[in-house]
Amino acid sequence: MNTLSFQAPEDIEKQLAYFAKELDRSKGYLIRQALKQYLEELEDYMEAKRYKAQYNPKNNVSFADIKKRYDNN
């Protein structure tokens, strides 16, 4: 495992210390969990952004068109 170092505002450090004590977890554990969740959400966001960039409304099919196609069969 690698070591990372960063500066946090005092209010965030106080919150982190409070929750670490309340949950009987280390501050490092809470930071890892929060960062992991954030990065997963960021990955989802980036995937949606890539999808949106490739989106072409000309490829849409209306519900009416689908209904016509399958009602005739």
PDB file of N, CA and C in Angstrom:
ATOM      1  N   MET A   1       0.857  -1.170   0.000  1.00  0.00           N
ATOM      2  CA  MET A   1       0.000   0.000   0.000  1.00  0.00           C
ATOM      3  C   MET A   1       0.905   1.235   0.000  1.00  0.00           C
ATOM      4  N   ASN A   2       0.549   2.213  -0.796  1.00  0.00           N
ATOM      5  CA  ASN A   2       1.314   3.452  -0.873  1.00  0.00           C
ATOM      6  C   ASN A   2       0.816   4.465   0.151  1.00  0.00           C
ATOM      7  N   THR A   3       1.689   5.377   0.511  1.00  0.00           N
ATOM      8  CA  THR A   3       1.336   6.442   1.443  1.00  0.00           C
ATOM      9  C   THR A   3       1.101   7.725   0.666  1.00  0.00           C
ATOM     10  N   LEU A   4      -0.001   8.384   0.950  1.00  0.00           N
ATOM     11  CA  LEU A   4      -0.314   9.676   0.359  1.00  0.00           C
ATOM     12  C   LEU A   4      -0.349  10.711   1.469  1.00  0.00           C
ATOM     13  N   SER A   5      -0.022  11.925   1.129  1.00  0.00           N
ATOM     14  CA  SER A   5      -0.049  13.000   2.112  1.00  0.00           C
ATOM     15  C   SER A   5      -0.782  14.184   1.494  1.00  0.00           C
ATOM     16  N   PHE A   6      -1.621  14.830   2.271  1.00  0.00           N
ATOM     17  CA  PHE A   6      -2.329  16.010   1.787  1.00  0.00           C
ATOM     18  C   PHE A   6      -2.690  16.897   2.960  1.00  0.00           C
ATOM     19  N   GLN A   7      -3.013  18.114   2.640  1.00  0.00           N
ATOM     20  CA  GLN A   7      -3.430  19.051   3.672  1.00  0.00           C
ATOM     21  C   GLN A   7      -4.952  19.146   3.651  1.00  0.00           C
ATOM     22  N   ALA A   8      -5.540  19.120   4.832  1.00  0.00           N
ATOM     23  CA  ALA A   8      -6.992  19.233   4.953  1.00  0.00           C
ATOM     24  C   ALA A   8      -7.304  20.424   5.846  1.00  0.00           C
ATOM     25  N   PRO A   9      -8.378  21.134   5.526  1.00  0.00           N
ATOM     26  CA  PRO A   9      -8.803  22.223   6.406  1.00  0.00           C
ATOM     27  C   PRO A   9      -9.116  21.678   7.802  1.00  0.00           C
ATOM     28  N   GLU A  10      -8.968  22.521   8.780  1.00  0.00           N
ATOM     29  CA  GLU A  10      -9.145  22.108  10.177  1.00  0.00           C
ATOM     30  C   GLU A  10     -10.535  21.525  10.428  1.00  0.00           C
ATOM     31  N   ASP A  11     -11.571  22.116   9.821  1.00  0.00           N
ATOM     32  CA  ASP A  11     -12.927  21.614  10.061  1.00  0.00           C
ATOM     33  C   ASP A  11     -13.101  20.192   9.529  1.00  0.00           C
ATOM     34  N   ILE A  12     -12.487  19.887   8.415  1.00  0.00           N
ATOM     35  CA  ILE A  12     -12.582  18.533   7.866  1.00  0.00           C
ATOM     36  C   ILE A  12     -11.814  17.557   8.753  1.00  0.00           C
ATOM     37  N   GLU A  13     -10.647  17.955   9.218  1.00  0.00           N
ATOM     38  CA  GLU A  13      -9.865  17.081  10.087  1.00  0.00           C
ATOM     39  C   GLU A  13     -10.618  16.811  11.383  1.00  0.00           C
ATOM     40  N   LYS A  14     -11.305  17.814  11.914  1.00  0.00           N
ATOM     41  CA  LYS A  14     -12.080  17.624  13.145  1.00  0.00           C
ATOM     42  C   LYS A  14     -13.237  16.648  12.912  1.00  0.00           C
ATOM     43  N   GLN A  15     -13.920  16.813  11.785  1.00  0.00           N
ATOM     44  CA  GLN A  15     -15.013  15.887  11.456  1.00  0.00           C
ATOM     45  C   GLN A  15     -14.477  14.472  11.304  1.00  0.00           C
ATOM     46  N   LEU A  16     -13.380  14.355  10.601  1.00  0.00           N
ATOM     47  CA  LEU A  16     -12.764  13.050  10.374  1.00  0.00           C
ATOM     48  C   LEU A  16     -12.390  12.398  11.707  1.00  0.00           C
ATOM     49  N   ALA A  17     -11.774  13.156  12.594  1.00  0.00           N
ATOM     50  CA  ALA A  17     -11.393  12.633  13.905  1.00  0.00           C
ATOM     51  C   ALA A  17     -12.626  12.214  14.701  1.00  0.00           C
ATOM     52  N   TYR A  18     -13.681  13.016  14.638  1.00  0.00           N
ATOM     53  CA  TYR A  18     -14.923  12.705  15.351  1.00  0.00           C
ATOM     54  C   TYR A  18     -15.508  11.377  14.867  1.00  0.00           C
ATOM     55  N   PHE A  19     -15.641  11.234  13.545  1.00  0.00           N
ATOM     56  CA  PHE A  19     -16.248  10.012  13.008  1.00  0.00           C
ATOM     57  C   PHE A  19     -15.345   8.799  13.214  1.00  0.00           C
ATOM     58  N   ALA A  20     -14.066   8.994  13.126  1.00  0.00           N
ATOM     59  CA  ALA A  20     -13.141   7.884  13.378  1.00  0.00           C
ATOM     60  C   ALA A  20     -13.345   7.356  14.792  1.00  0.00           C
ATOM     61  N   LYS A  21     -13.456   8.269  15.752  1.00  0.00           N
ATOM     62  CA  LYS A  21     -13.662   7.858  17.137  1.00  0.00           C
ATOM     63  C   LYS A  21     -15.033   7.209  17.325  1.00  0.00           C
ATOM     64  N   GLU A  22     -16.078   7.825  16.772  1.00  0.00           N
ATOM     65  CA  GLU A  22     -17.444   7.301  16.914  1.00  0.00           C
ATOM     66  C   GLU A  22     -17.588   5.915  16.286  1.00  0.00           C
ATOM     67  N   LEU A  23     -16.921   5.692  15.177  1.00  0.00           N
ATOM     68  CA  LEU A  23     -17.049   4.419  14.454  1.00  0.00           C
ATOM     69  C   LEU A  23     -15.956   3.421  14.827  1.00  0.00           C
ATOM     70  N   ASP A  24     -15.069   3.836  15.709  1.00  0.00           N
ATOM     71  CA  ASP A  24     -13.944   2.995  16.118  1.00  0.00           C
ATOM     72  C   ASP A  24     -13.139   2.518  14.899  1.00  0.00           C
ATOM     73  N   ARG A  25     -12.866   3.482  14.029  1.00  0.00           N
ATOM     74  CA  ARG A  25     -12.076   3.243  12.821  1.00  0.00           C
ATOM     75  C   ARG A  25     -10.966   4.273  12.770  1.00  0.00           C
ATOM     76  N   SER A  26      -9.944   3.981  11.992  1.00  0.00           N
ATOM     77  CA  SER A  26      -8.863   4.958  11.853  1.00  0.00           C
ATOM     78  C   SER A  26      -9.269   6.036  10.849  1.00  0.00           C
ATOM     79  N   LYS A  27      -8.625   7.178  10.962  1.00  0.00           N
ATOM     80  CA  LYS A  27      -8.860   8.238   9.982  1.00  0.00           C
ATOM     81  C   LYS A  27      -8.446   7.758   8.594  1.00  0.00           C
ATOM     82  N   GLY A  28      -7.365   7.002   8.534  1.00  0.00           N
ATOM     83  CA  GLY A  28      -6.909   6.462   7.248  1.00  0.00           C
ATOM     84  C   GLY A  28      -7.955   5.575   6.602  1.00  0.00           C
ATOM     85  N   TYR A  29      -8.607   4.735   7.412  1.00  0.00           N
ATOM     86  CA  TYR A  29      -9.664   3.873   6.893  1.00  0.00           C
ATOM     87  C   TYR A  29     -10.799   4.703   6.299  1.00  0.00           C
ATOM     88  N   LEU A  30     -11.240   5.712   7.042  1.00  0.00           N
ATOM     89  CA  LEU A  30     -12.340   6.551   6.564  1.00  0.00           C
ATOM     90  C   LEU A  30     -11.957   7.295   5.282  1.00  0.00           C
ATOM     91  N   ILE A  31     -10.737   7.780   5.219  1.00  0.00           N
ATOM     92  CA  ILE A  31     -10.279   8.476   4.012  1.00  0.00           C
ATOM     93  C   ILE A  31     -10.251   7.509   2.835  1.00  0.00           C
ATOM     94  N   ARG A  32      -9.725   6.289   3.046  1.00  0.00           N
ATOM     95  CA  ARG A  32      -9.692   5.300   1.954  1.00  0.00           C
ATOM     96  C   ARG A  32     -11.095   4.976   1.462  1.00  0.00           C
ATOM     97  N   GLN A  33     -12.023   4.776   2.396  1.00  0.00           N
ATOM     98  CA  GLN A  33     -13.398   4.446   2.003  1.00  0.00           C
ATOM     99  C   GLN A  33     -14.038   5.600   1.231  1.00  0.00           C
ATOM    100  N   ALA A  34     -13.866   6.815   1.727  1.00  0.00           N
ATOM    101  CA  ALA A  34     -14.447   7.989   1.067  1.00  0.00           C
ATOM    102  C   ALA A  34     -13.841   8.188  -0.320  1.00  0.00           C
ATOM    103  N   LEU A  35     -12.532   8.028  -0.423  1.00  0.00           N
ATOM    104  CA  LEU A  35     -11.860   8.210  -1.704  1.00  0.00           C
ATOM    105  C   LEU A  35     -12.275   7.124  -2.690  1.00  0.00           C
ATOM    106  N   LYS A  36     -12.378   5.903  -2.207  1.00  0.00           N
ATOM    107  CA  LYS A  36     -12.825   4.801  -3.071  1.00  0.00           C
ATOM    108  C   LYS A  36     -14.217   5.077  -3.633  1.00  0.00           C
ATOM    109  N   GLN A  37     -15.134   5.495  -2.765  1.00  0.00           N
ATOM    110  CA  GLN A  37     -16.494   5.792  -3.212  1.00  0.00           C
ATOM    111  C   GLN A  37     -16.503   6.953  -4.202  1.00  0.00           C
ATOM    112  N   TYR A  38     -15.744   7.997  -3.907  1.00  0.00           N
ATOM    113  CA  TYR A  38     -15.680   9.155  -4.790  1.00  0.00           C
ATOM    114  C   TYR A  38     -15.148   8.761  -6.162  1.00  0.00           C
ATOM    115  N   LEU A  39     -14.093   7.960  -6.189  1.00  0.00           N
ATOM    116  CA  LEU A  39     -13.500   7.569  -7.470  1.00  0.00           C
ATOM    117  C   LEU A  39     -14.440   6.669  -8.275  1.00  0.00           C
ATOM    118  N   GLU A  40     -15.209   5.826  -7.609  1.00  0.00           N
ATOM    119  CA  GLU A  40     -16.207   5.006  -8.304  1.00  0.00           C
ATOM    120  C   GLU A  40     -17.277   5.889  -8.928  1.00  0.00           C
ATOM    121  N   GLU A  41     -17.733   6.884  -8.182  1.00  0.00           N
ATOM    122  CA  GLU A  41     -18.736   7.807  -8.709  1.00  0.00           C
ATOM    123  C   GLU A  41     -18.165   8.650  -9.842  1.00  0.00           C
ATOM    124  N   LEU A  42     -16.921   9.047  -9.723  1.00  0.00           N
ATOM    125  CA  LEU A  42     -16.265   9.812 -10.776  1.00  0.00           C
ATOM    126  C   LEU A  42     -16.128   8.971 -12.041  1.00  0.00           C
ATOM    127  N   GLU A  43     -15.817   7.691 -11.883  1.00  0.00           N
ATOM    128  CA  GLU A  43     -15.725   6.787 -13.029  1.00  0.00           C
ATOM    129  C   GLU A  43     -17.081   6.690 -13.739  1.00  0.00           C
ATOM    130  N   ASP A  44     -18.156   6.551 -12.957  1.00  0.00           N
ATOM    131  CA  ASP A  44     -19.509   6.509 -13.542  1.00  0.00           C
ATOM    132  C   ASP A  44     -19.819   7.804 -14.292  1.00  0.00           C
ATOM    133  N   TYR A  45     -19.453   8.924 -13.688  1.00  0.00           N
ATOM    134  CA  TYR A  45     -19.685  10.221 -14.314  1.00  0.00           C
ATOM    135  C   TYR A  45     -18.939  10.330 -15.640  1.00  0.00           C
ATOM    136  N   MET A  46     -17.685   9.914 -15.637  1.00  0.00           N
ATOM    137  CA  MET A  46     -16.879  10.007 -16.857  1.00  0.00           C
ATOM    138  C   MET A  46     -17.430   9.094 -17.949  1.00  0.00           C
ATOM    139  N   GLU A  47     -17.917   7.920 -17.579  1.00  0.00           N
ATOM    140  CA  GLU A  47     -18.519   7.016 -18.544  1.00  0.00           C
ATOM    141  C   GLU A  47     -19.780   7.640 -19.138  1.00  0.00           C
ATOM    142  N   ALA A  48     -20.598   8.246 -18.311  1.00  0.00           N
ATOM    143  CA  ALA A  48     -21.807   8.911 -18.802  1.00  0.00           C
ATOM    144  C   ALA A  48     -21.445  10.076 -19.721  1.00  0.00           C
ATOM    145  N   LYS A  49     -20.393  10.794 -19.364  1.00  0.00           N
ATOM    146  CA  LYS A  49     -19.951  11.925 -20.179  1.00  0.00           C
ATOM    147  C   LYS A  49     -19.485  11.440 -21.554  1.00  0.00           C
ATOM    148  N   ARG A  50     -18.736  10.331 -21.592  1.00  0.00           N
ATOM    149  CA  ARG A  50     -18.287   9.755 -22.874  1.00  0.00           C
ATOM    150  C   ARG A  50     -19.487   9.298 -23.698  1.00  0.00           C
ATOM    151  N   TYR A  51     -20.443   8.654 -23.039  1.00  0.00           N
ATOM    152  CA  TYR A  51     -21.643   8.187 -23.731  1.00  0.00           C
ATOM    153  C   TYR A  51     -22.404   9.372 -24.317  1.00  0.00           C
ATOM    154  N   LYS A  52     -22.553  10.426 -23.527  1.00  0.00           N
ATOM    155  CA  LYS A  52     -23.280  11.603 -23.988  1.00  0.00           C
ATOM    156  C   LYS A  52     -22.593  12.226 -25.210  1.00  0.00           C
ATOM    157  N   ALA A  53     -21.268  12.231 -25.212  1.00  0.00           N
ATOM    158  CA  ALA A  53     -20.522  12.806 -26.331  1.00  0.00           C
ATOM    159  C   ALA A  53     -20.750  12.009 -27.614  1.00  0.00           C
ATOM    160  N   GLN A  54     -21.014  10.716 -27.485  1.00  0.00           N
ATOM    161  CA  GLN A  54     -21.235   9.857 -28.652  1.00  0.00           C
ATOM    162  C   GLN A  54     -22.717   9.758 -29.043  1.00  0.00           C
ATOM    163  N   TYR A  55     -23.578  10.291 -28.205  1.00  0.00           N
ATOM    164  CA  TYR A  55     -25.019  10.173 -28.426  1.00  0.00           C
ATOM    165  C   TYR A  55     -25.443  10.889 -29.699  1.00  0.00           C
ATOM    166  N   ASN A  56     -26.258  10.206 -30.475  1.00  0.00           N
ATOM    167  CA  ASN A  56     -26.793  10.791 -31.701  1.00  0.00           C
ATOM    168  C   ASN A  56     -28.307  10.625 -31.691  1.00  0.00           C
ATOM    169  N   PRO A  57     -29.055  11.718 -31.552  1.00  0.00           N
ATOM    170  CA  PRO A  57     -30.514  11.602 -31.478  1.00  0.00           C
ATOM    171  C   PRO A  57     -31.134  11.028 -32.761  1.00  0.00           C
ATOM    172  N   LYS A  58     -30.396  11.050 -33.856  1.00  0.00           N
ATOM    173  CA  LYS A  58     -30.918  10.472 -35.112  1.00  0.00           C
ATOM    174  C   LYS A  58     -31.103   8.962 -34.993  1.00  0.00           C
ATOM    175  N   ASN A  59     -30.441   8.348 -34.017  1.00  0.00           N
ATOM    176  CA  ASN A  59     -30.570   6.907 -33.816  1.00  0.00           C
ATOM    177  C   ASN A  59     -31.764   6.538 -32.944  1.00  0.00           C
ATOM    178  N   ASN A  60     -32.484   7.528 -32.437  1.00  0.00           N
ATOM    179  CA  ASN A  60     -33.642   7.255 -31.589  1.00  0.00           C
ATOM    180  C   ASN A  60     -34.762   6.609 -32.392  1.00  0.00           C
ATOM    181  N   VAL A  61     -35.502   5.752 -31.733  1.00  0.00           N
ATOM    182  CA  VAL A  61     -36.685   5.145 -32.322  1.00  0.00           C
ATOM    183  C   VAL A  61     -37.840   5.496 -31.397  1.00  0.00           C
ATOM    184  N   SER A  62     -38.902   6.019 -31.968  1.00  0.00           N
ATOM    185  CA  SER A  62     -40.026   6.428 -31.130  1.00  0.00           C
ATOM    186  C   SER A  62     -40.827   5.215 -30.668  1.00  0.00           C
ATOM    187  N   PHE A  63     -41.544   5.408 -29.586  1.00  0.00           N
ATOM    188  CA  PHE A  63     -42.409   4.346 -29.086  1.00  0.00           C
ATOM    189  C   PHE A  63     -43.477   4.008 -30.123  1.00  0.00           C
ATOM    190  N   ALA A  64     -43.986   5.026 -30.800  1.00  0.00           N
ATOM    191  CA  ALA A  64     -45.005   4.803 -31.833  1.00  0.00           C
ATOM    192  C   ALA A  64     -44.454   3.903 -32.945  1.00  0.00           C
ATOM    193  N   ASP A  65     -43.212   4.123 -33.361  1.00  0.00           N
ATOM    194  CA  ASP A  65     -42.606   3.287 -34.399  1.00  0.00           C
ATOM    195  C   ASP A  65     -42.447   1.841 -33.924  1.00  0.00           C
ATOM    196  N   ILE A  66     -42.060   1.662 -32.690  1.00  0.00           N
ATOM    197  CA  ILE A  66     -41.908   0.301 -32.152  1.00  0.00           C
ATOM    198  C   ILE A  66     -43.266  -0.365 -32.078  1.00  0.00           C
ATOM    199  N   LYS A  67     -44.261   0.370 -31.624  1.00  0.00           N
ATOM    200  CA  LYS A  67     -45.611  -0.176 -31.510  1.00  0.00           C
ATOM    201  C   LYS A  67     -46.130  -0.598 -32.879  1.00  0.00           C
ATOM    202  N   LYS A  68     -45.933   0.257 -33.888  1.00  0.00           N
ATOM    203  CA  LYS A  68     -46.351  -0.086 -35.268  1.00  0.00           C
ATOM    204  C   LYS A  68     -45.671  -1.361 -35.730  1.00  0.00           C
ATOM    205  N   ARG A  69     -44.375  -1.452 -35.495  1.00  0.00           N
ATOM    206  CA  ARG A  69     -43.607  -2.601 -35.970  1.00  0.00           C
ATOM    207  C   ARG A  69     -44.118  -3.897 -35.349  1.00  0.00           C
ATOM    208  N   TYR A  70     -44.385  -3.874 -34.059  1.00  0.00           N
ATOM    209  CA  TYR A  70     -44.761  -5.120 -33.384  1.00  0.00           C
ATOM    210  C   TYR A  70     -46.264  -5.378 -33.369  1.00  0.00           C
ATOM    211  N   ASP A  71     -47.069  -4.369 -33.605  1.00  0.00           N
ATOM    212  CA  ASP A  71     -48.518  -4.588 -33.697  1.00  0.00           C
ATOM    213  C   ASP A  71     -48.880  -5.234 -35.023  1.00  0.00           C
ATOM    214  N   ASN A  72     -48.033  -5.077 -36.033  1.00  0.00           N
ATOM    215  CA  ASN A  72     -48.307  -5.647 -37.345  1.00  0.00           C
ATOM    216  C   ASN A  72     -47.916  -7.125 -37.426  1.00  0.00           C
ATOM    217  N   ASN A  73     -47.186  -7.632 -36.451  1.00  0.00           N
ATOM    218  CA  ASN A  73     -46.752  -9.037 -36.490  1.00  0.00           C
ATOM    219  C   ASN A  73     -47.718  -9.945 -35.828  1.00  0.00           C
TER     220      ASN A  73
END
